[in-house]
Amino acid sequence: MEKETIYDERISPLMAQVIAICKDAGIACFATFDISTEDDPGFFCTTCLPDGDGKFPDAIKDCEHRLYRPNPMAVFTVTKSQ
């Protein structure tokens, strides 16, 4: 069975329960599932919820940042003419 089908049929209903509980209790949440395929190697399903005050804890912001906004890389070449 494909990962996406398994996610849709078995994980998503459980996540709906977890999301509802977290929202009711004001619990911040970050959950991500890698359901990549050959055709879509970067296919993730992610839930990111704020706490009861609408704020995201730093650890959750860091997870989101690392997963979806990789650090840019800069390359420099220094040459010296004589």
Protein backbone atom coordinates (compact mmCIF):
# COMPACT_ATOMS: atom_id res chain seq x y z
CA MET A 1 0.00 0.00 0.00
CA GLU A 2 1.29 3.47 -0.85
CA LYS A 3 2.36 5.81 1.94
CA GLU A 4 -0.21 8.46 0.96
CA THR A 5 -3.04 5.92 1.11
CA ILE A 6 -1.88 4.68 4.50
CA TYR A 7 -1.68 8.27 5.74
CA ASP A 8 -5.15 9.11 4.39
CA GLU A 9 -6.84 5.99 5.69
CA ARG A 10 -5.10 5.31 8.99
CA ILE A 11 -3.09 8.29 10.24
CA SER A 12 -5.25 11.24 9.18
CA PRO A 13 -8.28 10.17 11.28
CA LEU A 14 -6.02 9.85 14.32
CA MET A 15 -4.40 13.23 13.61
CA ALA A 16 -7.86 14.82 13.40
CA GLN A 17 -8.46 13.61 16.97
CA VAL A 18 -5.05 14.84 18.15
CA ILE A 19 -5.58 18.23 16.48
CA ALA A 20 -9.00 18.64 18.11
CA ILE A 21 -7.60 17.77 21.55
CA CYS A 22 -4.67 20.15 21.12
CA LYS A 23 -6.94 23.00 20.01
CA ASP A 24 -9.35 22.41 22.91
CA ALA A 25 -6.52 22.30 25.45
CA GLY A 26 -4.38 25.06 23.92
CA ILE A 27 -1.47 22.69 23.36
CA ALA A 28 1.04 23.74 20.73
CA CYS A 29 1.85 20.97 18.28
CA PHE A 30 4.20 20.21 15.43
CA ALA A 31 3.83 16.90 13.61
CA THR A 32 5.16 16.02 10.19
CA PHE A 33 4.95 12.87 8.14
CA ASP A 34 7.20 12.02 5.20
CA ILE A 35 4.97 10.37 2.64
CA SER A 36 7.35 10.88 -0.25
CA THR A 37 7.10 8.86 -3.42
CA GLU A 38 9.34 8.43 -6.45
CA ASP A 39 7.23 11.00 -8.28
CA ASP A 40 7.17 13.46 -5.36
CA PRO A 41 10.30 13.00 -3.20
CA GLY A 42 9.52 15.97 -0.95
CA PHE A 43 5.91 15.12 -0.08
CA PHE A 44 5.23 15.86 3.58
CA CYS A 45 2.04 16.30 5.56
CA THR A 46 2.58 18.71 8.44
CA THR A 47 0.43 20.11 11.21
CA CYS A 48 1.64 23.12 13.16
CA LEU A 49 -0.65 24.52 15.86
CA PRO A 50 -0.13 27.46 18.22
CA ASP A 51 -0.72 27.31 21.96
CA GLY A 52 -3.88 28.63 23.63
CA ASP A 53 -2.60 32.21 23.34
CA GLY A 54 -2.01 31.88 19.60
CA LYS A 55 1.77 31.73 20.02
CA PHE A 56 4.25 29.21 18.70
CA PRO A 57 6.98 28.13 21.13
CA ASP A 58 10.53 28.65 19.88
CA ALA A 59 11.11 24.90 19.54
CA ILE A 60 8.12 24.58 17.20
CA LYS A 61 9.21 27.62 15.19
CA ASP A 62 12.65 26.03 14.90
CA CYS A 63 11.17 22.74 13.62
CA GLU A 64 9.11 24.55 11.01
CA HIS A 65 12.08 26.64 9.96
CA ARG A 66 14.41 23.66 9.63
CA LEU A 67 11.89 21.62 7.66
CA TYR A 68 10.59 24.25 5.28
CA ARG A 69 13.19 27.01 5.14
CA PRO A 70 16.66 25.53 4.94
CA ASN A 71 19.50 27.92 5.62
CA PRO A 72 20.70 29.63 2.48
CA MET A 73 24.25 28.96 1.52
CA ALA A 74 26.66 31.56 0.24
CA VAL A 75 29.85 30.74 -1.61
CA PHE A 76 32.65 33.21 -2.08
CA THR A 77 35.84 32.97 -4.08
CA VAL A 78 38.67 35.22 -2.98
CA THR A 79 41.40 35.85 -5.46
CA LYS A 80 44.48 37.96 -5.06
CA SER A 81 46.09 39.64 -8.02
CA GLN A 82 49.73 40.53 -7.86
